[in-house]
Amino acid sequence: EDVDYIYERNRYGIYICVSGSKYGLLSPEGNILVKASYDKIRTISEGLYIASILEEDRYNMKSGVIDVNGNVIIDLQYFYLEPFYGRVVHSCISPDIKIKLEDIEIPEKIEHLLIYNYGFGIIDLKGNVCIQTGHNDIQKTEYGYILKKDDKYGYAALDYSIICEPKYASIEEVGNGFKKVSVSTVCGLKYGIMDQSGTECLEPIYISIGNMNEEGEADIIAPG
């Protein structure tokens, strides 16, 4: 099969090729792995690719996941499908007035994909929904996931179970699995501590709470 050009060679030695405006995959030796039949192919990790096809309206794409041999791992059903790098990557304006993505450290191994339907959610690489859509932001931490929805923050454990529905003005890891949470008051933000089970160890009434040390202690400024 004729190949018009090589779009890219990924870090695993596989070529993403283009033939007649369609994308496919070639082995390092130039053998066809996936026939050029998709409108876009992007590398996720070794052996896995986001594949996209245009809808009949020629404006919208639906995306899913294929392996290096063209087997469909996740059906092409998502209008938005991106690798999840541990947080939602937003666009920002650079000093030269160009739109670019926020600088973010890309992990060596991608474990989740970001989906969107009136807000973000994540699925695993087999297509299982881990965190439902509807969130403004999702940030992975050492102990779980900080979830933002309607300008309120909640928390999910590493097994994706919801520990705390979005209700706080902010949530921040402070060490040893504890989180600093805040609520808005007429006098400004007030801070408390929540443990890994979602229980408030300290009611959010404090002016300031620092990070915890190895002994589980933190500096606190109390009101008054």
N, C-alpha and C. Protein backbone atom coordinates (compact mmCIF):
# COMPACT_ATOMS: atom_id res chain seq x y z
N GLU A 1 0.86 -1.19 0.00
CA GLU A 1 0.00 0.00 0.00
C GLU A 1 0.89 1.24 0.00
N ASP A 2 0.51 2.23 -0.82
CA ASP A 2 1.30 3.45 -0.89
C ASP A 2 1.11 4.27 0.39
N VAL A 3 2.18 4.86 0.83
CA VAL A 3 2.16 5.75 1.98
C VAL A 3 2.58 7.12 1.49
N ASP A 4 1.74 8.12 1.75
CA ASP A 4 2.05 9.47 1.28
C ASP A 4 3.21 10.06 2.08
N TYR A 5 3.15 9.91 3.41
CA TYR A 5 4.25 10.40 4.23
C TYR A 5 4.16 9.82 5.63
N ILE A 6 5.26 9.95 6.35
CA ILE A 6 5.33 9.52 7.75
C ILE A 6 4.99 10.72 8.62
N TYR A 7 3.93 10.57 9.43
CA TYR A 7 3.52 11.66 10.31
C TYR A 7 4.47 11.78 11.48
N GLU A 8 4.81 10.65 12.10
CA GLU A 8 5.78 10.67 13.19
C GLU A 8 6.28 9.26 13.47
N ARG A 9 7.44 9.18 14.10
CA ARG A 9 7.97 7.93 14.62
C ARG A 9 7.97 8.07 16.13
N ASN A 10 7.22 7.20 16.83
CA ASN A 10 7.12 7.36 18.28
C ASN A 10 8.32 6.74 18.98
N ARG A 11 8.35 6.87 20.30
CA ARG A 11 9.51 6.42 21.07
C ARG A 11 9.69 4.90 21.04
N TYR A 12 8.66 4.19 20.58
CA TYR A 12 8.72 2.73 20.53
C TYR A 12 9.10 2.22 19.14
N GLY A 13 9.42 3.15 18.25
CA GLY A 13 9.87 2.77 16.92
C GLY A 13 8.77 2.54 15.90
N ILE A 14 7.52 2.76 16.31
CA ILE A 14 6.38 2.57 15.42
C ILE A 14 6.12 3.87 14.65
N TYR A 15 5.84 3.72 13.35
CA TYR A 15 5.56 4.88 12.51
C TYR A 15 4.04 5.10 12.38
N ILE A 16 3.62 6.34 12.60
CA ILE A 16 2.26 6.74 12.25
C ILE A 16 2.34 7.31 10.83
N CYS A 17 1.65 6.66 9.91
CA CYS A 17 1.76 7.04 8.50
C CYS A 17 0.45 7.62 8.00
N VAL A 18 0.52 8.31 6.88
CA VAL A 18 -0.66 8.91 6.26
C VAL A 18 -0.73 8.47 4.81
N SER A 19 -1.93 8.06 4.42
CA SER A 19 -2.18 7.66 3.03
C SER A 19 -3.55 8.18 2.63
N GLY A 20 -3.57 9.12 1.69
CA GLY A 20 -4.84 9.67 1.25
C GLY A 20 -5.62 10.34 2.35
N SER A 21 -4.95 11.04 3.26
CA SER A 21 -5.51 11.76 4.41
C SER A 21 -5.95 10.85 5.54
N LYS A 22 -5.73 9.54 5.42
CA LYS A 22 -6.06 8.60 6.48
C LYS A 22 -4.78 8.14 7.18
N TYR A 23 -4.93 7.80 8.48
CA TYR A 23 -3.78 7.44 9.30
C TYR A 23 -3.74 5.94 9.56
N GLY A 24 -2.53 5.40 9.61
CA GLY A 24 -2.32 4.01 9.94
C GLY A 24 -1.01 3.84 10.69
N LEU A 25 -0.58 2.59 10.90
CA LEU A 25 0.66 2.30 11.63
C LEU A 25 1.55 1.38 10.81
N LEU A 26 2.86 1.66 10.89
CA LEU A 26 3.87 0.82 10.26
C LEU A 26 4.84 0.33 11.32
N SER A 27 5.35 -0.87 11.13
CA SER A 27 6.39 -1.41 12.02
C SER A 27 7.70 -0.70 11.76
N PRO A 28 8.70 -0.87 12.63
CA PRO A 28 10.01 -0.27 12.39
C PRO A 28 10.62 -0.69 11.05
N GLU A 29 10.22 -1.87 10.56
CA GLU A 29 10.73 -2.36 9.27
C GLU A 29 9.91 -1.85 8.09
N GLY A 30 8.83 -1.12 8.36
CA GLY A 30 8.00 -0.57 7.30
C GLY A 30 6.83 -1.43 6.91
N ASN A 31 6.56 -2.49 7.67
CA ASN A 31 5.42 -3.35 7.37
C ASN A 31 4.14 -2.74 7.95
N ILE A 32 3.02 -2.95 7.25
CA ILE A 32 1.75 -2.39 7.68
C ILE A 32 1.24 -3.15 8.91
N LEU A 33 1.02 -2.41 9.99
CA LEU A 33 0.42 -2.97 11.20
C LEU A 33 -1.06 -2.65 11.26
N VAL A 34 -1.39 -1.40 10.94
CA VAL A 34 -2.79 -0.95 10.90
C VAL A 34 -2.98 -0.21 9.59
N LYS A 35 -3.92 -0.67 8.80
CA LYS A 35 -4.21 -0.03 7.53
C LYS A 35 -4.63 1.42 7.74
N ALA A 36 -4.22 2.29 6.84
CA ALA A 36 -4.57 3.71 6.95
C ALA A 36 -6.07 3.89 6.72
N SER A 37 -6.81 3.92 7.81
CA SER A 37 -8.28 4.00 7.73
C SER A 37 -8.88 4.94 8.75
N TYR A 38 -8.03 5.58 9.58
CA TYR A 38 -8.51 6.49 10.61
C TYR A 38 -8.20 7.94 10.23
N ASP A 39 -8.98 8.86 10.79
CA ASP A 39 -8.75 10.28 10.51
C ASP A 39 -7.71 10.89 11.43
N LYS A 40 -7.32 10.16 12.47
CA LYS A 40 -6.24 10.59 13.36
C LYS A 40 -5.82 9.42 14.22
N ILE A 41 -4.51 9.30 14.47
CA ILE A 41 -3.98 8.31 15.41
C ILE A 41 -2.92 9.00 16.26
N ARG A 42 -3.00 8.79 17.59
CA ARG A 42 -2.02 9.36 18.51
C ARG A 42 -1.56 8.29 19.47
N THR A 43 -0.29 8.34 19.83
CA THR A 43 0.28 7.36 20.75
C THR A 43 -0.13 7.67 22.19
N ILE A 44 -0.58 6.62 22.89
CA ILE A 44 -0.83 6.73 24.34
C ILE A 44 0.38 6.20 25.10
N SER A 45 0.71 4.96 24.84
CA SER A 45 1.82 4.27 25.50
C SER A 45 2.25 3.14 24.57
N GLU A 46 3.17 2.32 25.02
CA GLU A 46 3.65 1.25 24.16
C GLU A 46 2.51 0.31 23.78
N GLY A 47 2.23 0.22 22.49
CA GLY A 47 1.22 -0.70 21.98
C GLY A 47 -0.20 -0.19 22.01
N LEU A 48 -0.45 1.03 22.52
CA LEU A 48 -1.80 1.56 22.60
C LEU A 48 -1.89 2.94 21.94
N TYR A 49 -2.99 3.16 21.22
CA TYR A 49 -3.15 4.39 20.45
C TYR A 49 -4.59 4.90 20.53
N ILE A 50 -4.73 6.23 20.57
CA ILE A 50 -6.05 6.84 20.41
C ILE A 50 -6.30 6.95 18.91
N ALA A 51 -7.38 6.35 18.46
CA ALA A 51 -7.77 6.40 17.06
C ALA A 51 -9.07 7.16 16.93
N SER A 52 -9.19 8.00 15.90
CA SER A 52 -10.36 8.85 15.74
C SER A 52 -10.90 8.78 14.32
N ILE A 53 -12.22 8.90 14.21
CA ILE A 53 -12.86 8.98 12.89
C ILE A 53 -13.80 10.17 12.88
N LEU A 54 -13.90 10.81 11.72
CA LEU A 54 -14.81 11.94 11.57
C LEU A 54 -16.24 11.44 11.46
N GLU A 55 -17.15 12.19 12.10
CA GLU A 55 -18.56 11.93 11.94
C GLU A 55 -19.00 12.35 10.53
N GLU A 56 -20.21 11.99 10.16
CA GLU A 56 -20.71 12.32 8.84
C GLU A 56 -20.77 13.82 8.59
N ASP A 57 -20.91 14.61 9.67
CA ASP A 57 -20.95 16.06 9.49
C ASP A 57 -19.58 16.64 9.17
N ARG A 58 -18.52 15.80 9.28
CA ARG A 58 -17.13 16.19 8.97
C ARG A 58 -16.57 17.24 9.93
N TYR A 59 -17.28 17.49 11.01
CA TYR A 59 -16.79 18.46 12.00
C TYR A 59 -16.38 17.79 13.30
N ASN A 60 -17.15 16.81 13.72
CA ASN A 60 -16.90 16.15 14.99
C ASN A 60 -16.20 14.81 14.79
N MET A 61 -15.33 14.48 15.73
CA MET A 61 -14.64 13.19 15.72
C MET A 61 -15.09 12.35 16.89
N LYS A 62 -15.12 11.06 16.69
CA LYS A 62 -15.30 10.12 17.79
C LYS A 62 -14.02 9.31 17.93
N SER A 63 -13.61 9.12 19.17
CA SER A 63 -12.32 8.49 19.44
C SER A 63 -12.47 7.28 20.35
N GLY A 64 -11.53 6.37 20.20
CA GLY A 64 -11.43 5.19 21.06
C GLY A 64 -9.98 4.77 21.12
N VAL A 65 -9.73 3.54 21.52
CA VAL A 65 -8.36 3.05 21.67
C VAL A 65 -8.20 1.76 20.87
N ILE A 66 -7.07 1.69 20.13
CA ILE A 66 -6.69 0.48 19.41
C ILE A 66 -5.31 0.05 19.88
N ASP A 67 -4.98 -1.24 19.64
CA ASP A 67 -3.61 -1.67 19.93
C ASP A 67 -2.78 -1.59 18.66
N VAL A 68 -1.52 -1.99 18.76
CA VAL A 68 -0.59 -1.83 17.65
C VAL A 68 -0.94 -2.72 16.47
N ASN A 69 -1.81 -3.69 16.69
CA ASN A 69 -2.25 -4.56 15.59
C ASN A 69 -3.63 -4.19 15.06
N GLY A 70 -4.18 -3.10 15.55
CA GLY A 70 -5.45 -2.62 15.05
C GLY A 70 -6.66 -3.15 15.78
N ASN A 71 -6.46 -3.96 16.82
CA ASN A 71 -7.59 -4.45 17.59
C ASN A 71 -8.21 -3.31 18.40
N VAL A 72 -9.53 -3.21 18.38
CA VAL A 72 -10.22 -2.14 19.11
C VAL A 72 -10.31 -2.52 20.58
N ILE A 73 -9.69 -1.73 21.44
CA ILE A 73 -9.70 -1.95 22.88
C ILE A 73 -10.85 -1.19 23.52
N ILE A 74 -11.06 0.04 23.09
CA ILE A 74 -12.18 0.87 23.55
C ILE A 74 -12.89 1.37 22.30
N ASP A 75 -14.18 1.13 22.21
CA ASP A 75 -14.95 1.55 21.03
C ASP A 75 -14.81 3.04 20.78
N LEU A 76 -14.84 3.40 19.51
CA LEU A 76 -14.74 4.80 19.12
C LEU A 76 -16.07 5.49 19.40
N GLN A 77 -16.22 5.99 20.61
CA GLN A 77 -17.49 6.55 21.07
C GLN A 77 -17.36 7.90 21.73
N TYR A 78 -16.12 8.36 21.99
CA TYR A 78 -15.92 9.58 22.76
C TYR A 78 -15.60 10.77 21.85
N PHE A 79 -16.31 11.88 22.09
CA PHE A 79 -16.00 13.11 21.36
C PHE A 79 -14.74 13.77 21.93
N TYR A 80 -14.40 13.44 23.18
CA TYR A 80 -13.18 13.97 23.80
C TYR A 80 -12.48 12.81 24.48
N LEU A 81 -11.24 12.57 24.10
CA LEU A 81 -10.45 11.48 24.69
C LEU A 81 -8.99 11.88 24.66
N GLU A 82 -8.40 12.06 25.83
CA GLU A 82 -7.02 12.50 25.94
C GLU A 82 -6.31 11.72 27.04
N PRO A 83 -5.00 11.53 26.94
CA PRO A 83 -4.26 10.93 28.06
C PRO A 83 -4.41 11.78 29.32
N PHE A 84 -4.56 11.12 30.46
CA PHE A 84 -4.67 11.82 31.74
C PHE A 84 -3.29 11.85 32.38
N TYR A 85 -2.76 13.06 32.56
CA TYR A 85 -1.42 13.25 33.08
C TYR A 85 -1.40 13.54 34.58
N GLY A 86 -2.49 13.25 35.26
CA GLY A 86 -2.55 13.50 36.69
C GLY A 86 -3.32 14.75 37.04
N ARG A 87 -3.70 15.51 36.04
CA ARG A 87 -4.54 16.69 36.23
C ARG A 87 -5.08 17.09 34.87
N VAL A 88 -6.09 17.93 34.87
CA VAL A 88 -6.63 18.45 33.61
C VAL A 88 -5.69 19.53 33.10
N VAL A 89 -5.22 19.38 31.88
CA VAL A 89 -4.30 20.35 31.29
C VAL A 89 -5.12 21.39 30.54
N HIS A 90 -5.00 22.64 30.95
CA HIS A 90 -5.77 23.72 30.34
C HIS A 90 -4.88 24.52 29.39
N SER A 91 -5.54 25.22 28.48
CA SER A 91 -4.81 26.13 27.60
C SER A 91 -4.53 27.43 28.34
N CYS A 92 -3.43 28.06 27.99
CA CYS A 92 -3.14 29.37 28.56
C CYS A 92 -2.49 30.23 27.47
N ILE A 93 -2.41 31.52 27.72
CA ILE A 93 -1.85 32.44 26.74
C ILE A 93 -0.39 32.71 27.08
N SER A 94 0.50 32.47 26.10
CA SER A 94 1.92 32.69 26.30
C SER A 94 2.24 34.18 26.13
N PRO A 95 3.45 34.61 26.52
CA PRO A 95 3.80 36.03 26.40
C PRO A 95 3.68 36.58 24.98
N ASP A 96 3.86 35.71 23.97
CA ASP A 96 3.74 36.18 22.59
C ASP A 96 2.31 36.01 22.06
N ILE A 97 1.36 35.92 23.00
CA ILE A 97 -0.07 35.88 22.67
C ILE A 97 -0.42 34.64 21.84
N LYS A 98 0.27 33.58 22.05
CA LYS A 98 -0.07 32.32 21.40
C LYS A 98 -0.68 31.37 22.44
N ILE A 99 -1.66 30.61 22.01
CA ILE A 99 -2.29 29.66 22.92
C ILE A 99 -1.40 28.43 23.03
N LYS A 100 -1.11 28.01 24.23
CA LYS A 100 -0.31 26.81 24.45
C LYS A 100 -0.89 26.07 25.65
N LEU A 101 -0.48 24.82 25.81
CA LEU A 101 -0.91 24.06 26.97
C LEU A 101 -0.03 24.39 28.16
N GLU A 102 -0.63 24.31 29.33
CA GLU A 102 0.14 24.51 30.56
C GLU A 102 1.32 23.54 30.60
N ASP A 103 2.43 23.99 31.15
CA ASP A 103 3.56 23.10 31.36
C ASP A 103 3.17 22.06 32.41
N ILE A 104 3.40 20.80 32.10
CA ILE A 104 3.04 19.73 33.03
C ILE A 104 3.99 18.57 32.82
N GLU A 105 4.35 17.92 33.90
CA GLU A 105 5.24 16.77 33.82
C GLU A 105 4.45 15.56 33.31
N ILE A 106 4.92 14.99 32.20
CA ILE A 106 4.23 13.85 31.61
C ILE A 106 4.79 12.56 32.22
N PRO A 107 3.94 11.76 32.86
CA PRO A 107 4.44 10.53 33.50
C PRO A 107 4.93 9.52 32.47
N GLU A 108 5.82 8.64 32.90
CA GLU A 108 6.36 7.61 32.02
C GLU A 108 5.26 6.64 31.58
N LYS A 109 4.34 6.36 32.48
CA LYS A 109 3.28 5.39 32.20
C LYS A 109 1.92 6.06 32.30
N ILE A 110 1.13 5.94 31.24
CA ILE A 110 -0.24 6.46 31.24
C ILE A 110 -1.17 5.36 31.71
N GLU A 111 -1.98 5.64 32.72
CA GLU A 111 -2.89 4.64 33.28
C GLU A 111 -4.35 4.97 33.04
N HIS A 112 -4.64 6.24 32.74
CA HIS A 112 -6.02 6.67 32.56
C HIS A 112 -6.15 7.59 31.36
N LEU A 113 -7.39 7.70 30.89
CA LEU A 113 -7.72 8.63 29.82
C LEU A 113 -8.79 9.58 30.32
N LEU A 114 -8.70 10.81 29.85
CA LEU A 114 -9.64 11.85 30.24
C LEU A 114 -10.78 11.89 29.24
N ILE A 115 -12.02 11.86 29.73
CA ILE A 115 -13.20 11.98 28.89
C ILE A 115 -13.99 13.21 29.31
N TYR A 116 -14.92 13.63 28.47
CA TYR A 116 -15.66 14.85 28.76
C TYR A 116 -17.11 14.70 28.35
N ASN A 117 -18.02 15.04 29.25
CA ASN A 117 -19.44 15.12 28.96
C ASN A 117 -20.06 16.05 30.00
N TYR A 118 -20.17 17.34 29.66
CA TYR A 118 -20.59 18.35 30.62
C TYR A 118 -19.67 18.35 31.84
N GLY A 119 -18.39 18.15 31.60
CA GLY A 119 -17.39 18.07 32.66
C GLY A 119 -16.52 16.84 32.46
N PHE A 120 -15.35 16.84 33.11
CA PHE A 120 -14.36 15.78 32.91
C PHE A 120 -14.61 14.56 33.79
N GLY A 121 -14.16 13.44 33.30
CA GLY A 121 -14.11 12.18 34.05
C GLY A 121 -12.91 11.40 33.55
N ILE A 122 -12.61 10.26 34.16
CA ILE A 122 -11.50 9.43 33.69
C ILE A 122 -11.94 7.98 33.54
N ILE A 123 -11.35 7.31 32.56
CA ILE A 123 -11.54 5.88 32.36
C ILE A 123 -10.18 5.22 32.36
N ASP A 124 -10.15 3.90 32.60
CA ASP A 124 -8.87 3.19 32.51
C ASP A 124 -8.63 2.76 31.07
N LEU A 125 -7.52 2.09 30.81
CA LEU A 125 -7.14 1.75 29.45
C LEU A 125 -7.92 0.59 28.88
N LYS A 126 -8.86 0.06 29.67
CA LYS A 126 -9.78 -0.96 29.15
C LYS A 126 -11.17 -0.38 28.91
N GLY A 127 -11.34 0.91 29.22
CA GLY A 127 -12.61 1.58 29.00
C GLY A 127 -13.52 1.62 30.20
N ASN A 128 -13.08 1.09 31.34
CA ASN A 128 -13.90 1.14 32.55
C ASN A 128 -13.94 2.56 33.11
N VAL A 129 -15.14 3.04 33.45
CA VAL A 129 -15.26 4.38 34.01
C VAL A 129 -14.77 4.35 35.45
N CYS A 130 -13.78 5.19 35.75
CA CYS A 130 -13.21 5.26 37.10
C CYS A 130 -13.83 6.42 37.88
N ILE A 131 -13.88 7.58 37.26
CA ILE A 131 -14.51 8.75 37.86
C ILE A 131 -15.48 9.32 36.84
N GLN A 132 -16.72 9.46 37.24
CA GLN A 132 -17.77 9.91 36.34
C GLN A 132 -17.48 11.32 35.82
N THR A 133 -18.03 11.61 34.63
CA THR A 133 -17.89 12.95 34.07
C THR A 133 -18.69 13.96 34.88
N GLY A 134 -18.42 15.24 34.60
CA GLY A 134 -19.14 16.31 35.28
C GLY A 134 -18.25 17.21 36.13
N HIS A 135 -16.94 16.95 36.13
CA HIS A 135 -16.03 17.71 36.98
C HIS A 135 -15.29 18.79 36.17
N ASN A 136 -15.06 19.93 36.83
CA ASN A 136 -14.28 20.99 36.22
C ASN A 136 -12.79 20.67 36.21
N ASP A 137 -12.36 19.90 37.19
CA ASP A 137 -10.94 19.55 37.30
C ASP A 137 -10.81 18.26 38.09
N ILE A 138 -9.78 17.51 37.77
CA ILE A 138 -9.43 16.28 38.50
C ILE A 138 -7.92 16.29 38.68
N GLN A 139 -7.47 16.14 39.90
CA GLN A 139 -6.03 16.14 40.18
C GLN A 139 -5.68 14.90 40.99
N LYS A 140 -4.77 14.10 40.46
CA LYS A 140 -4.33 12.91 41.19
C LYS A 140 -3.24 13.28 42.18
N THR A 141 -3.32 12.72 43.39
CA THR A 141 -2.31 12.92 44.40
C THR A 141 -1.76 11.55 44.82
N GLU A 142 -0.88 11.55 45.78
CA GLU A 142 -0.31 10.29 46.28
C GLU A 142 -1.38 9.40 46.90
N TYR A 143 -2.44 10.02 47.43
CA TYR A 143 -3.43 9.27 48.20
C TYR A 143 -4.79 9.15 47.52
N GLY A 144 -5.02 9.88 46.44
CA GLY A 144 -6.33 9.83 45.80
C GLY A 144 -6.48 10.90 44.74
N TYR A 145 -7.71 11.38 44.58
CA TYR A 145 -8.03 12.34 43.53
C TYR A 145 -8.82 13.51 44.13
N ILE A 146 -8.32 14.72 43.90
CA ILE A 146 -9.04 15.92 44.28
C ILE A 146 -9.98 16.27 43.12
N LEU A 147 -11.27 16.41 43.42
CA LEU A 147 -12.28 16.64 42.40
C LEU A 147 -12.88 18.03 42.56
N LYS A 148 -12.97 18.76 41.46
CA LYS A 148 -13.59 20.09 41.49
C LYS A 148 -14.87 20.06 40.66
N LYS A 149 -15.96 20.54 41.25
CA LYS A 149 -17.24 20.58 40.56
C LYS A 149 -18.02 21.80 41.05
N ASP A 150 -18.44 22.62 40.09
CA ASP A 150 -19.19 23.84 40.44
C ASP A 150 -18.46 24.67 41.49
N ASP A 151 -17.14 24.79 41.29
CA ASP A 151 -16.28 25.60 42.16
C ASP A 151 -16.20 25.09 43.59
N LYS A 152 -16.57 23.84 43.83
CA LYS A 152 -16.39 23.20 45.12
C LYS A 152 -15.51 21.97 44.94
N TYR A 153 -14.81 21.60 46.02
CA TYR A 153 -13.86 20.50 45.95
C TYR A 153 -14.30 19.31 46.80
N GLY A 154 -14.09 18.12 46.22
CA GLY A 154 -14.33 16.87 46.93
C GLY A 154 -13.13 15.95 46.76
N TYR A 155 -13.31 14.70 47.15
CA TYR A 155 -12.15 13.80 47.16
C TYR A 155 -12.58 12.36 46.87
N ALA A 156 -11.77 11.66 46.09
CA ALA A 156 -11.97 10.23 45.81
C ALA A 156 -10.70 9.48 46.17
N ALA A 157 -10.85 8.26 46.68
CA ALA A 157 -9.70 7.43 47.04
C ALA A 157 -9.05 6.87 45.79
N LEU A 158 -7.91 6.21 45.95
CA LEU A 158 -7.21 5.63 44.81
C LEU A 158 -8.01 4.51 44.14
N ASP A 159 -8.96 3.93 44.89
CA ASP A 159 -9.84 2.92 44.28
C ASP A 159 -11.08 3.56 43.66
N TYR A 160 -11.08 4.90 43.57
CA TYR A 160 -12.11 5.72 42.92
C TYR A 160 -13.38 5.89 43.76
N SER A 161 -13.45 5.31 44.94
CA SER A 161 -14.62 5.51 45.79
C SER A 161 -14.63 6.96 46.28
N ILE A 162 -15.82 7.55 46.31
CA ILE A 162 -15.95 8.95 46.72
C ILE A 162 -15.87 9.05 48.24
N ILE A 163 -14.84 9.73 48.71
CA ILE A 163 -14.64 9.94 50.15
C ILE A 163 -15.42 11.16 50.62
N CYS A 164 -15.46 12.17 49.77
CA CYS A 164 -16.11 13.42 50.13
C CYS A 164 -16.67 14.07 48.86
N GLU A 165 -17.97 14.30 48.83
CA GLU A 165 -18.58 15.00 47.71
C GLU A 165 -18.07 16.45 47.69
N PRO A 166 -18.02 17.07 46.50
CA PRO A 166 -17.54 18.46 46.43
C PRO A 166 -18.36 19.41 47.30
N LYS A 167 -17.72 19.96 48.33
CA LYS A 167 -18.41 20.90 49.23
C LYS A 167 -17.46 21.94 49.82
N TYR A 168 -16.15 21.77 49.65
CA TYR A 168 -15.18 22.68 50.25
C TYR A 168 -14.71 23.74 49.25
N ALA A 169 -14.22 24.85 49.78
CA ALA A 169 -13.65 25.90 48.94
C ALA A 169 -12.29 25.48 48.39
N SER A 170 -11.60 24.58 49.08
CA SER A 170 -10.33 24.05 48.61
C SER A 170 -10.00 22.77 49.37
N ILE A 171 -9.19 21.93 48.75
CA ILE A 171 -8.63 20.74 49.40
C ILE A 171 -7.18 20.64 48.99
N GLU A 172 -6.32 20.38 49.97
CA GLU A 172 -4.88 20.30 49.70
C GLU A 172 -4.27 19.22 50.56
N GLU A 173 -3.44 18.36 49.95
CA GLU A 173 -2.72 17.35 50.73
C GLU A 173 -1.70 18.03 51.62
N VAL A 174 -1.64 17.61 52.90
CA VAL A 174 -0.66 18.20 53.82
C VAL A 174 0.26 17.16 54.43
N GLY A 175 0.14 15.91 53.96
CA GLY A 175 1.05 14.87 54.44
C GLY A 175 0.36 13.78 55.22
N ASN A 176 0.93 12.56 55.14
CA ASN A 176 0.43 11.40 55.89
C ASN A 176 -1.03 11.06 55.61
N GLY A 177 -1.50 11.42 54.42
CA GLY A 177 -2.87 11.11 54.04
C GLY A 177 -3.90 12.11 54.52
N PHE A 178 -3.47 13.13 55.25
CA PHE A 178 -4.40 14.15 55.73
C PHE A 178 -4.52 15.27 54.69
N LYS A 179 -5.70 15.89 54.67
CA LYS A 179 -5.96 16.97 53.74
C LYS A 179 -6.38 18.22 54.48
N LYS A 180 -5.85 19.35 54.05
CA LYS A 180 -6.32 20.64 54.56
C LYS A 180 -7.52 21.06 53.72
N VAL A 181 -8.64 21.32 54.38
CA VAL A 181 -9.85 21.73 53.68
C VAL A 181 -10.22 23.14 54.15
N SER A 182 -10.95 23.83 53.31
CA SER A 182 -11.35 25.19 53.69
C SER A 182 -12.80 25.44 53.33
N VAL A 183 -13.42 26.35 54.07
CA VAL A 183 -14.77 26.82 53.78
C VAL A 183 -14.74 28.34 53.73
N SER A 184 -15.62 28.90 52.92
CA SER A 184 -15.70 30.36 52.81
C SER A 184 -16.61 30.91 53.90
N THR A 185 -16.16 31.96 54.55
CA THR A 185 -16.96 32.65 55.56
C THR A 185 -16.91 34.15 55.27
N VAL A 186 -17.72 34.91 55.99
CA VAL A 186 -17.71 36.37 55.80
C VAL A 186 -16.36 36.96 56.19
N CYS A 187 -15.59 36.22 56.99
CA CYS A 187 -14.27 36.69 57.42
C CYS A 187 -13.14 36.08 56.58
N GLY A 188 -13.50 35.46 55.47
CA GLY A 188 -12.48 34.83 54.63
C GLY A 188 -12.49 33.32 54.80
N LEU A 189 -11.46 32.68 54.26
CA LEU A 189 -11.37 31.22 54.33
C LEU A 189 -11.00 30.76 55.74
N LYS A 190 -11.62 29.67 56.17
CA LYS A 190 -11.28 29.02 57.42
C LYS A 190 -10.88 27.58 57.11
N TYR A 191 -9.85 27.08 57.82
CA TYR A 191 -9.23 25.81 57.47
C TYR A 191 -9.45 24.75 58.54
N GLY A 192 -9.53 23.51 58.07
CA GLY A 192 -9.61 22.36 58.96
C GLY A 192 -8.83 21.21 58.36
N ILE A 193 -8.92 20.04 59.00
CA ILE A 193 -8.19 18.85 58.54
C ILE A 193 -9.19 17.71 58.34
N MET A 194 -9.04 17.03 57.20
CA MET A 194 -9.85 15.84 56.89
C MET A 194 -8.92 14.65 56.73
N ASP A 195 -9.31 13.49 57.27
CA ASP A 195 -8.47 12.31 57.12
C ASP A 195 -8.84 11.53 55.86
N GLN A 196 -8.20 10.39 55.64
CA GLN A 196 -8.36 9.63 54.41
C GLN A 196 -9.75 8.99 54.29
N SER A 197 -10.47 8.94 55.39
CA SER A 197 -11.83 8.38 55.36
C SER A 197 -12.89 9.44 55.08
N GLY A 198 -12.46 10.72 55.06
CA GLY A 198 -13.40 11.81 54.85
C GLY A 198 -13.89 12.44 56.13
N THR A 199 -13.38 11.98 57.26
CA THR A 199 -13.79 12.53 58.56
C THR A 199 -13.01 13.82 58.86
N GLU A 200 -13.73 14.83 59.32
CA GLU A 200 -13.06 16.07 59.73
C GLU A 200 -12.42 15.88 61.10
N CYS A 201 -11.09 15.79 61.11
CA CYS A 201 -10.36 15.68 62.38
C CYS A 201 -10.33 17.01 63.10
N LEU A 202 -10.25 18.07 62.31
CA LEU A 202 -10.32 19.42 62.83
C LEU A 202 -11.39 20.17 62.05
N GLU A 203 -12.33 20.75 62.76
CA GLU A 203 -13.38 21.53 62.11
C GLU A 203 -12.75 22.74 61.42
N PRO A 204 -13.23 23.09 60.22
CA PRO A 204 -12.63 24.23 59.50
C PRO A 204 -13.00 25.58 60.13
N ILE A 205 -12.25 25.91 61.19
CA ILE A 205 -12.48 27.18 61.90
C ILE A 205 -11.16 27.95 62.08
N TYR A 206 -10.06 27.39 61.55
CA TYR A 206 -8.73 27.94 61.82
C TYR A 206 -8.29 28.91 60.72
N ILE A 207 -7.48 29.87 61.11
CA ILE A 207 -7.01 30.90 60.19
C ILE A 207 -5.95 30.34 59.25
N SER A 208 -5.11 29.44 59.76
CA SER A 208 -4.04 28.88 58.94
C SER A 208 -3.65 27.51 59.48
N ILE A 209 -3.32 26.59 58.56
CA ILE A 209 -2.79 25.28 58.93
C ILE A 209 -1.64 24.95 57.99
N GLY A 210 -0.48 24.61 58.55
CA GLY A 210 0.67 24.27 57.73
C GLY A 210 0.70 22.79 57.38
N ASN A 211 1.75 22.38 56.66
CA ASN A 211 1.93 20.98 56.31
C ASN A 211 2.35 20.17 57.53
N MET A 212 2.03 18.88 57.52
CA MET A 212 2.39 18.01 58.64
C MET A 212 3.82 17.52 58.51
N ASN A 213 4.48 17.36 59.65
CA ASN A 213 5.81 16.79 59.64
C ASN A 213 5.71 15.27 59.80
N GLU A 214 6.85 14.59 59.94
CA GLU A 214 6.86 13.13 60.03
C GLU A 214 6.16 12.62 61.28
N GLU A 215 6.08 13.45 62.31
CA GLU A 215 5.41 13.05 63.54
C GLU A 215 3.90 13.35 63.50
N GLY A 216 3.42 13.85 62.35
CA GLY A 216 2.00 14.14 62.24
C GLY A 216 1.60 15.44 62.88
N GLU A 217 2.55 16.36 63.04
CA GLU A 217 2.26 17.64 63.67
C GLU A 217 2.27 18.74 62.62
N ALA A 218 1.45 19.76 62.82
CA ALA A 218 1.37 20.89 61.90
C ALA A 218 1.16 22.17 62.69
N ASP A 219 1.71 23.27 62.18
CA ASP A 219 1.49 24.57 62.80
C ASP A 219 0.07 25.05 62.48
N ILE A 220 -0.62 25.55 63.50
CA ILE A 220 -2.00 26.01 63.36
C ILE A 220 -2.14 27.39 64.00
N ILE A 221 -2.83 28.27 63.29
CA ILE A 221 -3.19 29.58 63.86
C ILE A 221 -4.69 29.55 64.11
N ALA A 222 -5.06 29.65 65.38
CA ALA A 222 -6.46 29.60 65.78
C ALA A 222 -7.05 31.01 65.78
N PRO A 223 -8.35 31.11 65.60
CA PRO A 223 -8.98 32.44 65.65
C PRO A 223 -8.88 33.05 67.05
N GLY A 224 -8.81 34.38 67.07
CA GLY A 224 -8.75 35.07 68.34
C GLY A 224 -7.36 35.13 68.91
